[in-house]
Amino acid sequence: MRIEPEQYRLVGTRLGAARRRANLTQTEAAERLGRKQTLVSEIERGLRRVDVLEIVLISRALDADPFELFAEVTRSTEAGLKAQKPKRRPKGA
């Protein structure tokens, strides 16, 4: 199964929405994360991958519940991932 750029964009969109709900600019969120504003921008535009641990750190910086944020991200990408059919592994692999 491949993750397409569209799924990364959806993740970034959800993280950006959470940042706006926290009434933070990208610069303010970046300061809380100890990172540069460009990183926040890249994440929100889907140009940078984020793993589950980064979602936890981002949620803490936004004063958001990490479980709720992860659930929101999961729901936003679920349809796109379901549309992909897993490739069959060759026998003996």
Protein backbone atom coordinates (compact mmCIF):
# COMPACT_ATOMS: atom_id res chain seq x y z
CA MET A 1 0.00 0.00 0.00
CA ARG A 2 1.34 3.41 -0.97
CA ILE A 3 0.52 6.67 0.71
CA GLU A 4 -0.17 9.29 -1.91
CA PRO A 5 0.66 13.01 -1.62
CA GLU A 6 -3.05 13.75 -1.29
CA GLN A 7 -3.15 11.92 2.05
CA TYR A 8 -0.27 14.03 3.36
CA ARG A 9 -2.13 17.15 2.26
CA LEU A 10 -5.22 15.97 4.15
CA VAL A 11 -3.17 15.39 7.29
CA GLY A 12 -1.68 18.87 6.97
CA THR A 13 -5.12 20.39 6.45
CA ARG A 14 -6.39 18.79 9.69
CA LEU A 15 -3.33 19.94 11.62
CA GLY A 16 -3.74 23.45 10.25
CA ALA A 17 -7.40 23.46 11.30
CA ALA A 18 -6.37 22.42 14.82
CA ARG A 19 -3.82 25.25 14.90
CA ARG A 20 -6.47 27.78 13.86
CA ARG A 21 -8.87 26.43 16.51
CA ALA A 22 -6.13 27.14 19.05
CA ASN A 23 -6.02 30.73 17.70
CA LEU A 24 -2.35 30.43 16.85
CA THR A 25 -0.42 31.68 13.85
CA GLN A 26 2.06 29.36 12.17
CA THR A 27 4.83 31.39 13.78
CA GLU A 28 3.33 31.01 17.26
CA ALA A 29 2.84 27.26 16.77
CA ALA A 30 6.42 26.94 15.53
CA GLU A 31 7.71 28.79 18.59
CA ARG A 32 5.84 26.39 20.86
CA LEU A 33 7.38 23.48 18.96
CA GLY A 34 10.84 25.01 19.03
CA ARG A 35 10.92 24.87 15.23
CA LYS A 36 10.80 27.29 12.30
CA GLN A 37 7.57 28.63 10.82
CA THR A 38 8.51 27.11 7.46
CA LEU A 39 8.26 23.62 8.98
CA VAL A 40 4.69 24.30 10.15
CA SER A 41 3.84 25.63 6.69
CA GLU A 42 5.32 22.55 4.98
CA ILE A 43 3.38 20.21 7.27
CA GLU A 44 0.11 22.05 6.69
CA ARG A 45 0.61 21.99 2.90
CA GLY A 46 1.39 18.25 2.94
CA LEU A 47 4.98 18.76 1.82
CA ARG A 48 6.43 17.15 4.93
CA ARG A 49 5.45 13.84 6.48
CA VAL A 50 4.60 13.67 10.16
CA ASP A 51 4.63 10.54 12.26
CA VAL A 52 2.41 9.70 15.20
CA LEU A 53 4.92 11.00 17.74
CA GLU A 54 5.05 14.34 15.96
CA ILE A 55 1.25 14.50 16.04
CA VAL A 56 1.44 14.06 19.82
CA LEU A 57 4.01 16.88 20.09
CA ILE A 58 1.98 19.13 17.81
CA SER A 59 -1.19 18.46 19.78
CA ARG A 60 0.57 19.41 23.02
CA ALA A 61 1.84 22.63 21.42
CA LEU A 62 -1.74 23.42 20.39
CA ASP A 63 -3.15 22.49 23.82
CA ALA A 64 -5.24 19.86 22.04
CA ASP A 65 -6.03 16.29 23.05
CA PRO A 66 -3.61 14.06 21.08
CA PHE A 67 -6.20 11.27 20.83
CA GLU A 68 -8.82 13.60 19.38
CA LEU A 69 -6.34 15.14 16.95
CA PHE A 70 -5.11 11.72 15.83
CA ALA A 71 -8.72 10.55 15.39
CA GLU A 72 -9.48 13.63 13.30
CA VAL A 73 -6.42 13.02 11.12
CA THR A 74 -7.36 9.34 10.78
CA ARG A 75 -10.93 10.15 9.73
CA SER A 76 -9.73 12.67 7.15
CA THR A 77 -7.40 10.18 5.45
CA GLU A 78 -9.46 7.02 5.90
CA ALA A 79 -11.43 7.29 2.66
CA GLY A 80 -8.32 7.78 0.58
CA LEU A 81 -6.57 4.83 2.14
CA LYS A 82 -9.61 2.56 1.74
CA ALA A 83 -9.70 3.36 -1.96
CA GLN A 84 -6.30 1.75 -2.40
CA LYS A 85 -6.20 -1.98 -2.79
CA PRO A 86 -3.31 -3.70 -1.04
CA LYS A 87 -0.88 -5.41 -3.37
CA ARG A 88 -0.65 -9.15 -3.04
CA ARG A 89 2.65 -10.48 -1.91
CA PRO A 90 4.17 -13.18 -4.08
CA LYS A 91 4.24 -16.63 -2.55
CA GLY A 92 7.37 -17.27 -0.56
CA ALA A 93 8.07 -13.56 0.00
